Amino acid sequence: MNTALNAPRRDEELAALAAGEVVDVLVVGGGVTGAGIALDAASRGLSVALLEAHDLAFGTSRWSSKLVHGGLRYLAKGEVGLAHESAVERGILMTSTAPHLSRPLPQLIPLQGTVSRGDAAFMAAGLRAGDALRRAARTPSALLPPPRRVSAPEALALAPGLRSGDLRGGLLSFDGQLTDDARLVVALARTAAGLGAKIITRAPVTALTGTSAQVRDGSRQVEVRARTVVNAAGVWAGKLVPSVRLRPSLGTHLVVSAASAGLGGAALTVPLPGSRSRFVLLLPQADGLVYLGLTDEPFDGEIPDEPVAPAADVAFLLDVASSVLARPLTGADVLGSYAGLRPLLDAPGRSADLSRRHAVLTSADGVLTIVGGKLTTYRRMAQDAVDAAVAHGNLTAGPSTTRRLPLVGAAPRPVLSTLDAPARLVSKYGTEAEAVAALDPTPIAPNLPITAGEVEWAVRREGAMDAEDVLHRRTRIGLVTANLAAARARVTALVAELGCPTG
């Protein structure tokens, strides 16, 4: 099973499509949903091609909170079915499909003077309801322990940077966290490629019908033909199918150091004043960074390739996070920022209140479009989209098999713990970590652990076509402005040595 993605394979497979090969399912969009659809379809024995305008995980899929969450926020809105779906999909990802890319994350709600006892009781009840969903989803408590109340000393041990003067304890719960969202997308695409899917990046679609796509490849136009077409372009879906109406919502995150936030291994969940269902999160990462997010604001106008975090959102996040910390965070603590657009279905109401349910829509000319949803439920979204494609195209295929289909690098956690490779590599590459560790171990920049071997692996095996792909989506160096500046020249030189353009 050849799971390697690289420039020669991309060119060879696009040439076959340009020569007239007709696939069963053509997927447009290389985010988590599109890659999930390609995998689901390929695993059913269907022939598949995926077209992505830029790079895998170029859009919304790399701008998430990196959480695999159990749907607690949906419970608060009364969307029990959606919450249960999230809990089920979280369990599948963490125990079956991608144990190597996920880990349990302790989350602490600090109980300070701004949180009334009534609000604390309400939130504790919500956490217990969330744990009931975990049990219903059959996710073991050894992986995600049940919630509990902790004392003030315990809360400070978990998050030393908390303001202690009015701290009376905390509510501790557990959720899932990804090593990185972009790496999940790459793993999905590579697993699909191993089952025969053609994964074609740098292939913007200029026109789409129910049986074909016009694709720009450099200076030439190529027609790709298919029996069914699925538009999984996220917030850009309406550009390809004008009948699709979306209400994009902008979510902003800031990047700070764990030292400046005073965090250990536990995340902080900070209630917004006056709300029992909205929170700001401080999410510690294994590399010593903390992602602080997130906002949920309506976005109007032309959809940019890479959204920018608005100054107002930056100020809001710093203010709310600082409300629970002994040392307030300021703009000087911000090492980087990112913002992503959610492809929410158009409906009345505030964007923060719109449902995260997904839907498969069929246009007049037969293009299937999947919209809505969230990263945690990508697998179920993909299953529903392929079910619709099979029915629409009268294709011969069995039911989805992805519930128990491990992604590239996946293995049970006890097996992962025995690998002869640094834990940092195991959490990114799983069972492939030993092969990555055997490559050039030279760091690409001072004070950065990323090695020249990881750059080589990204180009030879993970479909990185230029230095920008490596910096921003295979390694995530680009999330910290100073790290990007320190690493860019070396990564650019390495990619050029490997025979790829330097972007």
Protein backbone atom coordinates (compact mmCIF):
# COMPACT_ATOMS: atom_id res chain seq x y z
CA MET A 1 0.00 0.00 0.00
CA ASN A 2 1.74 3.15 -1.24
CA THR A 3 0.74 6.05 0.99
CA ALA A 4 3.48 8.42 -0.15
CA LEU A 5 2.34 11.74 -1.59
CA ASN A 6 4.85 13.74 -3.62
CA ALA A 7 5.25 15.81 -6.78
CA PRO A 8 5.99 12.90 -9.18
CA ARG A 9 2.92 10.98 -8.03
CA ARG A 10 0.75 14.09 -8.27
CA ASP A 11 1.86 14.76 -11.86
CA GLU A 12 1.40 11.13 -12.93
CA GLU A 13 -2.11 10.89 -11.50
CA LEU A 14 -3.22 14.23 -12.93
CA ALA A 15 -1.94 13.10 -16.34
CA ALA A 16 -4.15 9.99 -16.12
CA LEU A 17 -7.18 12.13 -15.31
CA ALA A 18 -6.38 14.57 -18.13
CA ALA A 19 -6.10 11.64 -20.54
CA GLY A 20 -9.74 10.77 -19.89
CA GLU A 21 -9.85 8.43 -16.90
CA VAL A 22 -13.32 8.65 -15.33
CA VAL A 23 -13.54 8.22 -11.55
CA ASP A 24 -16.54 7.19 -9.50
CA VAL A 25 -16.22 10.09 -7.04
CA LEU A 26 -14.55 13.44 -7.64
CA VAL A 27 -13.99 15.46 -4.45
CA VAL A 28 -13.25 19.18 -4.60
CA GLY A 29 -11.50 20.47 -1.48
CA GLY A 30 -8.51 19.16 0.47
CA GLY A 31 -9.56 20.01 4.01
CA VAL A 32 -10.58 17.52 6.67
CA THR A 33 -14.00 16.95 5.10
CA GLY A 34 -12.71 16.47 1.56
CA ALA A 35 -9.87 14.19 2.66
CA GLY A 36 -12.33 12.25 4.82
CA ILE A 37 -14.67 11.80 1.85
CA ALA A 38 -11.82 10.60 -0.36
CA LEU A 39 -10.87 8.03 2.28
CA ASP A 40 -14.43 6.84 2.86
CA ALA A 41 -15.06 6.41 -0.86
CA ALA A 42 -11.74 4.70 -1.55
CA SER A 43 -12.23 2.34 1.38
CA ARG A 44 -15.50 1.17 -0.22
CA GLY A 45 -13.65 0.23 -3.40
CA LEU A 46 -14.72 3.29 -5.40
CA SER A 47 -12.28 5.09 -7.69
CA VAL A 48 -11.59 8.55 -6.32
CA ALA A 49 -9.86 11.78 -7.22
CA LEU A 50 -9.47 14.77 -4.91
CA LEU A 51 -8.71 18.24 -6.26
CA GLU A 52 -7.35 20.98 -4.00
CA ALA A 53 -6.60 24.51 -5.19
CA HIS A 54 -3.65 25.02 -2.85
CA ASP A 55 -2.33 22.50 -0.33
CA LEU A 56 -3.88 19.93 1.98
CA ALA A 57 -5.38 21.68 5.04
CA PHE A 58 -4.81 25.08 3.43
CA GLY A 59 -8.14 26.49 4.60
CA THR A 60 -10.30 26.25 7.70
CA SER A 61 -9.04 22.81 8.73
CA ARG A 62 -5.70 24.16 9.97
CA TRP A 63 -7.21 27.04 11.94
CA SER A 64 -9.15 25.07 14.58
CA SER A 65 -8.64 24.87 18.34
CA LYS A 66 -7.05 21.43 17.76
CA LEU A 67 -9.74 19.87 19.96
CA VAL A 68 -11.65 16.63 19.45
CA HIS A 69 -14.53 17.54 21.69
CA GLY A 70 -17.45 15.62 23.05
CA GLY A 71 -20.15 18.12 22.22
CA LEU A 72 -20.65 19.75 25.61
CA ARG A 73 -21.40 23.16 24.09
CA TYR A 74 -24.17 21.58 22.00
CA LEU A 75 -25.76 20.10 25.11
CA ALA A 76 -25.99 23.61 26.53
CA LYS A 77 -28.01 24.61 23.45
CA GLY A 78 -30.29 21.59 23.69
CA GLU A 79 -28.82 19.87 20.62
CA VAL A 80 -28.56 16.44 22.24
CA GLY A 81 -28.27 14.52 18.97
CA LEU A 82 -25.40 16.67 17.78
CA ALA A 83 -23.68 16.36 21.16
CA HIS A 84 -24.01 12.56 21.06
CA GLU A 85 -22.62 12.47 17.52
CA SER A 86 -19.60 14.48 18.67
CA ALA A 87 -18.99 12.17 21.61
CA VAL A 88 -19.19 9.08 19.39
CA GLU A 89 -16.82 10.50 16.78
CA ARG A 90 -14.38 11.68 19.45
CA GLY A 91 -14.21 8.13 20.80
CA ILE A 92 -13.65 6.63 17.35
CA LEU A 93 -10.80 9.01 16.56
CA MET A 94 -9.07 8.64 19.91
CA THR A 95 -9.36 4.86 20.22
CA SER A 96 -9.42 3.55 16.67
CA THR A 97 -8.54 5.81 13.75
CA ALA A 98 -5.86 8.14 15.15
CA PRO A 99 -4.63 7.40 18.69
CA HIS A 100 -1.19 8.70 17.66
CA LEU A 101 -2.56 12.14 16.76
CA SER A 102 -4.74 12.60 19.84
CA ARG A 103 -4.42 12.71 23.61
CA PRO A 104 -6.62 13.30 26.65
CA LEU A 105 -6.65 16.96 27.72
CA PRO A 106 -7.55 17.94 31.29
CA GLN A 107 -9.69 21.09 31.30
CA LEU A 108 -10.19 23.25 34.35
CA ILE A 109 -12.98 25.75 34.97
CA PRO A 110 -11.60 28.01 37.72
CA LEU A 111 -14.17 28.95 40.34
CA GLN A 112 -13.38 32.51 41.26
CA GLY A 113 -15.47 35.38 42.55
CA THR A 114 -17.01 36.11 39.16
CA VAL A 115 -18.55 32.61 39.03
CA SER A 116 -21.58 32.33 41.32
CA ARG A 117 -22.33 29.12 43.15
CA GLY A 118 -25.43 28.73 41.03
CA ASP A 119 -23.42 29.05 37.83
CA ALA A 120 -20.87 26.58 39.19
CA ALA A 121 -23.62 24.06 39.96
CA PHE A 122 -25.06 24.53 36.45
CA MET A 123 -21.67 23.96 34.81
CA ALA A 124 -20.97 20.92 37.01
CA ALA A 125 -24.28 19.43 35.91
CA GLY A 126 -23.30 20.06 32.29
CA LEU A 127 -19.99 18.28 32.77
CA ARG A 128 -21.80 15.29 34.27
CA ALA A 129 -24.15 15.24 31.29
CA GLY A 130 -21.13 15.34 29.00
CA ASP A 131 -19.67 12.37 30.84
CA ALA A 132 -22.93 10.50 30.32
CA LEU A 133 -22.42 11.07 26.59
CA ARG A 134 -18.89 9.66 26.91
CA ARG A 135 -20.26 6.53 28.55
CA ALA A 136 -22.99 6.22 25.92
CA ALA A 137 -20.29 6.48 23.24
CA ARG A 138 -18.34 3.71 25.06
CA THR A 139 -15.17 5.77 25.37
CA PRO A 140 -13.27 4.23 28.30
CA SER A 141 -12.86 6.23 31.49
CA ALA A 142 -9.22 5.14 31.53
CA LEU A 143 -8.81 7.41 28.50
CA LEU A 144 -11.19 10.22 29.49
CA PRO A 145 -11.84 10.17 33.25
CA PRO A 146 -15.12 11.48 34.67
CA PRO A 147 -15.31 15.12 35.83
CA ARG A 148 -14.82 16.15 39.45
CA ARG A 149 -14.56 19.15 41.69
CA VAL A 150 -11.04 20.08 42.81
CA SER A 151 -9.83 22.19 45.70
CA ALA A 152 -8.08 25.52 45.33
CA PRO A 153 -4.61 23.97 45.94
CA GLU A 154 -5.33 21.32 43.28
CA ALA A 155 -6.50 23.99 40.85
CA LEU A 156 -3.29 25.94 41.39
CA ALA A 157 -1.22 22.80 40.92
CA LEU A 158 -2.94 22.27 37.56
CA ALA A 159 -2.70 25.93 36.50
CA PRO A 160 -0.14 27.82 38.62
CA GLY A 161 -0.87 31.09 36.86
CA LEU A 162 -4.41 31.40 38.21
CA ARG A 163 -5.35 34.36 40.37
CA SER A 164 -5.51 32.80 43.81
CA GLY A 165 -7.04 35.49 46.05
CA ASP A 166 -10.66 34.53 45.37
CA LEU A 167 -10.10 31.01 44.05
CA ARG A 168 -12.32 28.47 45.80
CA GLY A 169 -11.49 25.50 43.59
CA GLY A 170 -12.34 24.35 40.11
CA LEU A 171 -14.26 21.92 37.94
CA LEU A 172 -11.99 19.41 36.21
CA SER A 173 -13.05 17.47 33.13
CA PHE A 174 -11.33 15.74 30.21
CA ASP A 175 -11.67 16.08 26.44
CA GLY A 176 -9.67 15.12 23.38
CA GLN A 177 -6.87 17.15 21.81
CA LEU A 178 -5.14 16.74 18.46
CA THR A 179 -1.40 16.94 18.07
CA ASP A 180 -2.27 19.10 15.08
CA ASP A 181 -5.30 19.51 12.83
CA ALA A 182 -3.31 19.83 9.60
CA ARG A 183 -1.50 16.57 10.35
CA LEU A 184 -4.86 14.82 10.68
CA VAL A 185 -5.78 16.01 7.18
CA VAL A 186 -2.48 14.79 5.75
CA ALA A 187 -2.95 11.40 7.43
CA LEU A 188 -6.44 11.10 5.95
CA ALA A 189 -5.22 11.98 2.47
CA ARG A 190 -2.28 9.59 2.64
CA THR A 191 -4.48 6.76 3.90
CA ALA A 192 -6.86 7.42 1.02
CA ALA A 193 -3.93 7.44 -1.41
CA GLY A 194 -2.85 4.06 -0.07
CA LEU A 195 -6.27 2.74 -1.09
CA GLY A 196 -5.92 4.15 -4.60
CA ALA A 197 -7.31 7.67 -4.34
CA LYS A 198 -5.66 10.30 -6.52
CA ILE A 199 -4.77 13.30 -4.33
CA ILE A 200 -4.08 16.31 -6.56
CA THR A 201 -3.03 19.58 -4.94
CA ARG A 202 -2.21 22.86 -6.75
CA ALA A 203 -5.24 22.19 -8.96
CA PRO A 204 -7.82 25.00 -8.65
CA VAL A 205 -11.25 24.16 -10.05
CA THR A 206 -12.62 26.90 -12.29
CA ALA A 207 -15.94 25.29 -13.22
CA LEU A 208 -17.95 22.38 -11.87
CA THR A 209 -20.84 20.21 -13.06
CA GLY A 210 -22.37 17.02 -11.76
CA THR A 211 -19.99 14.93 -13.92
CA SER A 212 -16.88 17.04 -14.49
CA ALA A 213 -14.53 19.77 -13.32
CA GLN A 214 -12.43 22.25 -15.24
CA VAL A 215 -9.04 22.42 -13.54
CA ARG A 216 -6.18 24.87 -13.98
CA ASP A 217 -2.77 23.19 -13.92
CA GLY A 218 -0.18 25.88 -14.40
CA SER A 219 -0.94 27.52 -17.73
CA ARG A 220 -3.19 24.75 -19.06
CA GLN A 221 -6.82 23.79 -18.50
CA VAL A 222 -7.67 20.16 -17.80
CA GLU A 223 -11.07 18.48 -17.71
CA VAL A 224 -11.56 15.83 -15.03
CA ARG A 225 -14.57 13.55 -15.49
CA ALA A 226 -16.48 11.60 -12.86
CA ARG A 227 -19.69 9.71 -12.25
CA THR A 228 -20.42 11.84 -9.17
CA VAL A 229 -19.00 15.13 -7.92
CA VAL A 230 -18.82 16.24 -4.28
CA ASN A 231 -18.10 19.87 -3.48
CA ALA A 232 -16.28 19.96 -0.14
CA ALA A 233 -14.70 23.38 -0.58
CA GLY A 234 -15.88 24.70 2.79
CA VAL A 235 -16.40 28.45 2.90
CA TRP A 236 -15.56 28.58 -0.82
CA ALA A 237 -18.33 26.08 -1.74
CA GLY A 238 -20.65 28.83 -2.96
CA LYS A 239 -18.11 30.01 -5.53
CA LEU A 240 -18.38 26.65 -7.28
CA VAL A 241 -22.11 26.13 -6.70
CA PRO A 242 -23.85 29.53 -6.48
CA SER A 243 -27.06 28.03 -5.08
CA VAL A 244 -25.20 27.17 -1.85
CA ARG A 245 -25.77 29.93 0.71
CA LEU A 246 -23.43 30.14 3.69
CA ARG A 247 -22.99 32.42 6.70
CA PRO A 248 -19.24 32.31 7.40
CA SER A 249 -18.23 32.79 11.01
CA LEU A 250 -14.75 33.98 11.98
CA GLY A 251 -12.93 32.28 14.84
CA THR A 252 -9.71 33.86 16.12
CA HIS A 253 -6.92 32.30 18.20
CA LEU A 254 -3.80 33.81 19.72
CA VAL A 255 -0.53 31.98 20.36
CA VAL A 256 1.25 32.66 23.65
CA SER A 257 3.80 30.74 25.69
CA ALA A 258 2.76 28.44 28.52
CA ALA A 259 5.21 30.30 30.75
CA SER A 260 3.55 33.67 30.18
CA ALA A 261 0.09 32.19 30.81
CA GLY A 262 1.27 30.23 33.85
CA LEU A 263 -0.12 26.94 32.55
CA GLY A 264 1.01 23.38 33.04
CA GLY A 265 -0.62 20.48 31.23
CA ALA A 266 -4.23 21.48 31.92
CA ALA A 267 -6.33 23.77 29.76
CA LEU A 268 -8.35 26.61 31.24
CA THR A 269 -12.01 27.06 30.36
CA VAL A 270 -12.98 30.64 31.20
CA PRO A 271 -16.72 31.44 31.32
CA LEU A 272 -17.73 34.63 29.55
CA PRO A 273 -19.34 37.04 32.01
CA GLY A 274 -23.11 36.78 31.84
CA SER A 275 -23.13 33.49 29.90
CA ARG A 276 -23.39 29.88 31.00
CA SER A 277 -22.64 28.42 27.56
CA ARG A 278 -19.82 30.52 26.07
CA PHE A 279 -16.18 30.22 27.11
CA VAL A 280 -12.69 31.30 26.20
CA LEU A 281 -10.12 28.51 26.18
CA LEU A 282 -6.41 28.49 26.99
CA LEU A 283 -5.16 25.30 25.40
CA PRO A 284 -1.61 24.11 26.25
CA GLN A 285 0.33 22.31 23.53
CA ALA A 286 3.12 19.78 23.85
CA ASP A 287 5.65 22.26 22.44
CA GLY A 288 5.26 24.79 25.25
CA LEU A 289 2.80 27.02 23.41
CA VAL A 290 -0.77 27.87 24.37
CA TYR A 291 -3.58 28.56 21.92
CA LEU A 292 -6.00 31.16 23.28
CA GLY A 293 -9.40 31.23 21.61
CA LEU A 294 -11.86 31.58 20.32
CA THR A 295 -14.22 34.14 18.91
CA ASP A 296 -17.35 33.52 16.87
CA GLU A 297 -18.19 36.56 14.77
CA PRO A 298 -20.13 36.93 11.50
CA PHE A 299 -17.92 37.54 8.46
CA ASP A 300 -19.07 39.53 5.46
CA GLY A 301 -17.41 40.17 2.15
CA GLU A 302 -15.04 38.32 -0.13
CA ILE A 303 -13.60 35.13 1.38
CA PRO A 304 -9.81 35.54 1.76
CA ASP A 305 -7.37 32.68 1.28
CA GLU A 306 -5.94 33.36 4.74
CA PRO A 307 -8.09 35.38 7.17
CA VAL A 308 -6.44 37.79 9.58
CA ALA A 309 -7.24 38.05 13.28
CA PRO A 310 -9.05 41.38 13.88
CA ALA A 311 -7.55 43.70 16.49
CA ALA A 312 -10.86 43.73 18.38
CA ASP A 313 -10.80 39.93 18.69
CA VAL A 314 -7.22 40.02 19.94
CA ALA A 315 -8.12 42.54 22.64
CA PHE A 316 -11.23 40.56 23.62
CA LEU A 317 -9.35 37.29 24.05
CA LEU A 318 -6.56 38.87 26.07
CA ASP A 319 -9.07 40.62 28.31
CA VAL A 320 -11.16 37.51 29.07
CA ALA A 321 -8.12 35.27 29.63
CA SER A 322 -6.51 37.84 31.91
CA SER A 323 -9.62 37.96 34.08
CA VAL A 324 -8.62 34.66 35.72
CA LEU A 325 -4.83 35.01 35.73
CA ALA A 326 -2.54 36.47 38.37
CA ARG A 327 -0.47 38.09 35.62
CA PRO A 328 -2.60 39.67 32.89
CA LEU A 329 -1.68 38.88 29.30
CA THR A 330 -0.86 41.80 27.00
CA GLY A 331 -0.12 42.25 23.34
CA ALA A 332 3.56 41.77 24.11
CA ASP A 333 2.82 38.16 25.07
CA VAL A 334 1.29 37.33 21.69
CA LEU A 335 3.73 35.25 19.65
CA GLY A 336 1.35 34.76 16.74
CA SER A 337 -2.30 34.62 15.79
CA TYR A 338 -4.59 32.84 13.38
CA ALA A 339 -8.19 33.02 12.25
CA GLY A 340 -10.44 30.60 10.41
CA LEU A 341 -13.83 30.78 8.74
CA ARG A 342 -16.51 28.20 9.53
CA PRO A 343 -18.83 27.23 6.63
CA LEU A 344 -22.14 27.53 8.51
CA LEU A 345 -25.47 27.14 6.74
CA ASP A 346 -27.28 30.42 6.20
CA ALA A 347 -30.09 30.83 8.72
CA PRO A 348 -31.58 33.59 10.87
CA GLY A 349 -29.82 34.52 14.11
CA ARG A 350 -26.32 35.26 15.38
CA SER A 351 -23.47 33.21 13.94
CA ALA A 352 -22.58 32.02 17.45
CA ASP A 353 -26.05 30.50 17.73
CA LEU A 354 -26.15 28.75 14.34
CA SER A 355 -26.16 24.96 14.46
CA ARG A 356 -22.97 23.06 13.63
CA ARG A 357 -25.02 20.35 11.94
CA HIS A 358 -23.89 19.35 8.48
CA ALA A 359 -25.98 18.91 5.37
CA VAL A 360 -25.54 17.38 1.90
CA LEU A 361 -27.17 19.55 -0.75
CA THR A 362 -27.80 18.66 -4.41
CA SER A 363 -27.68 21.38 -7.08
CA ALA A 364 -29.82 21.48 -10.20
CA ASP A 365 -26.96 20.08 -12.31
CA GLY A 366 -26.23 17.28 -9.87
CA VAL A 367 -23.28 18.53 -7.82
CA LEU A 368 -23.42 17.30 -4.23
CA THR A 369 -22.21 19.89 -1.71
CA ILE A 370 -21.47 19.19 1.93
CA VAL A 371 -21.50 22.15 4.30
CA GLY A 372 -21.68 22.87 8.02
CA GLY A 373 -20.28 20.45 10.58
CA LYS A 374 -17.02 20.60 12.49
CA LEU A 375 -13.64 18.93 12.63
CA THR A 376 -14.62 16.38 15.28
CA THR A 377 -17.37 14.89 13.13
CA TYR A 378 -15.47 14.85 9.83
CA ARG A 379 -15.77 11.04 9.56
CA ARG A 380 -19.54 11.05 9.90
CA MET A 381 -19.79 13.94 7.44
CA ALA A 382 -17.70 11.98 4.96
CA GLN A 383 -19.82 8.87 5.44
CA ASP A 384 -23.03 10.80 4.77
CA ALA A 385 -21.54 12.49 1.70
CA VAL A 386 -20.39 9.19 0.18
CA ASP A 387 -23.74 7.56 0.97
CA ALA A 388 -25.37 10.40 -0.97
CA ALA A 389 -22.89 10.06 -3.85
CA VAL A 390 -23.48 6.30 -4.09
CA ALA A 391 -27.25 6.81 -4.23
CA HIS A 392 -27.07 9.78 -6.59
CA GLY A 393 -24.67 8.11 -9.03
CA ASN A 394 -26.15 4.63 -8.71
CA LEU A 395 -22.68 3.39 -7.77
CA THR A 396 -21.92 -0.09 -6.50
CA ALA A 397 -20.47 0.14 -3.01
CA GLY A 398 -21.04 -1.26 0.44
CA PRO A 399 -21.46 0.64 3.70
CA SER A 400 -18.76 2.84 5.22
CA THR A 401 -15.82 1.04 6.82
CA THR A 402 -13.97 4.05 8.27
CA ARG A 403 -15.23 3.53 11.82
CA ARG A 404 -12.49 0.95 12.33
CA LEU A 405 -10.00 1.98 9.68
CA PRO A 406 -6.70 3.18 11.23
CA LEU A 407 -5.00 6.12 9.57
CA VAL A 408 -1.37 6.05 8.48
CA GLY A 409 0.79 5.81 11.60
CA ALA A 410 -2.01 4.69 13.91
CA ALA A 411 -1.56 1.97 16.53
CA PRO A 412 -2.94 1.22 19.99
CA ARG A 413 -1.45 3.46 22.66
CA PRO A 414 0.54 0.63 24.33
CA VAL A 415 2.23 -0.07 20.98
CA LEU A 416 3.02 3.62 20.41
CA SER A 417 4.71 3.77 23.81
CA THR A 418 7.23 1.08 22.77
CA LEU A 419 8.51 2.83 19.64
CA ASP A 420 12.20 3.71 19.56
CA ALA A 421 11.76 7.37 18.71
CA PRO A 422 11.35 10.65 20.60
CA ALA A 423 7.85 11.18 22.03
CA ARG A 424 7.58 14.38 19.99
CA LEU A 425 7.93 12.41 16.76
CA VAL A 426 5.60 9.61 17.89
CA SER A 427 2.84 12.15 18.56
CA LYS A 428 3.21 13.49 15.01
CA TYR A 429 4.06 10.38 12.97
CA GLY A 430 2.92 7.42 15.04
CA THR A 431 4.44 4.16 13.85
CA GLU A 432 6.39 6.04 11.17
CA ALA A 433 8.32 7.98 13.85
CA GLU A 434 11.23 5.55 13.80
CA ALA A 435 11.68 6.06 10.05
CA VAL A 436 11.57 9.84 10.47
CA ALA A 437 14.04 9.68 13.37
CA ALA A 438 16.48 7.76 11.14
CA LEU A 439 16.71 10.70 8.73
CA ASP A 440 18.94 13.77 9.19
CA PRO A 441 18.47 14.82 12.85
CA THR A 442 19.96 18.31 12.41
CA PRO A 443 17.61 21.01 13.73
CA ILE A 444 16.65 23.53 11.07
CA ALA A 445 17.09 26.49 13.40
CA PRO A 446 18.38 27.22 16.89
CA ASN A 447 15.85 26.53 19.66
CA LEU A 448 13.53 24.67 17.25
CA PRO A 449 13.21 20.87 17.47
CA ILE A 450 12.08 20.40 13.83
CA THR A 451 14.78 18.51 11.91
CA ALA A 452 16.02 18.40 8.35
CA GLY A 453 14.71 14.83 8.26
CA GLU A 454 11.18 16.06 8.96
CA VAL A 455 11.45 18.44 6.01
CA GLU A 456 12.58 15.57 3.79
CA TRP A 457 9.70 13.39 5.03
CA ALA A 458 7.21 16.18 4.31
CA VAL A 459 8.40 16.47 0.71
CA ARG A 460 8.96 12.78 -0.06
CA ARG A 461 5.98 11.29 1.78
CA GLU A 462 3.46 13.97 2.82
CA GLY A 463 2.83 15.89 -0.38
CA ALA A 464 4.58 19.15 0.52
CA MET A 465 5.26 20.91 -2.78
CA ASP A 466 7.19 23.93 -1.54
CA ALA A 467 8.70 25.53 1.55
CA GLU A 468 5.42 27.21 2.50
CA ASP A 469 3.71 23.82 2.74
CA VAL A 470 6.42 22.66 5.13
CA LEU A 471 6.49 25.80 7.25
CA HIS A 472 2.76 26.35 7.58
CA ARG A 473 1.05 22.96 7.29
CA ARG A 474 3.48 20.05 7.88
CA THR A 475 5.39 21.52 10.82
CA ARG A 476 3.28 24.58 11.90
CA ILE A 477 6.45 26.60 12.43
CA GLY A 478 4.56 29.51 10.90
CA LEU A 479 2.24 29.86 13.91
CA VAL A 480 4.99 31.76 15.74
CA THR A 481 6.24 34.79 13.83
CA ALA A 482 9.79 34.68 15.22
CA ASN A 483 10.15 30.94 14.52
CA LEU A 484 9.03 31.46 10.94
CA ALA A 485 11.67 34.11 10.42
CA ALA A 486 14.36 31.89 11.97
CA ALA A 487 13.50 28.80 9.89
CA ARG A 488 12.40 30.10 6.50
CA ALA A 489 15.79 30.32 4.79
CA ARG A 490 16.94 26.86 5.88
CA VAL A 491 13.65 25.17 5.01
CA THR A 492 13.62 26.91 1.62
CA ALA A 493 17.14 25.65 0.90
CA LEU A 494 16.32 22.10 2.00
CA VAL A 495 13.21 21.95 -0.17
CA ALA A 496 15.20 23.21 -3.15
CA GLU A 497 17.83 20.50 -2.56
CA LEU A 498 15.03 17.93 -2.60
CA GLY A 499 14.02 19.09 -6.05
CA CYS A 500 10.87 21.07 -5.26
CA PRO A 501 10.08 24.69 -5.98
CA THR A 502 10.84 27.06 -3.11
CA GLY A 503 7.44 28.73 -3.14
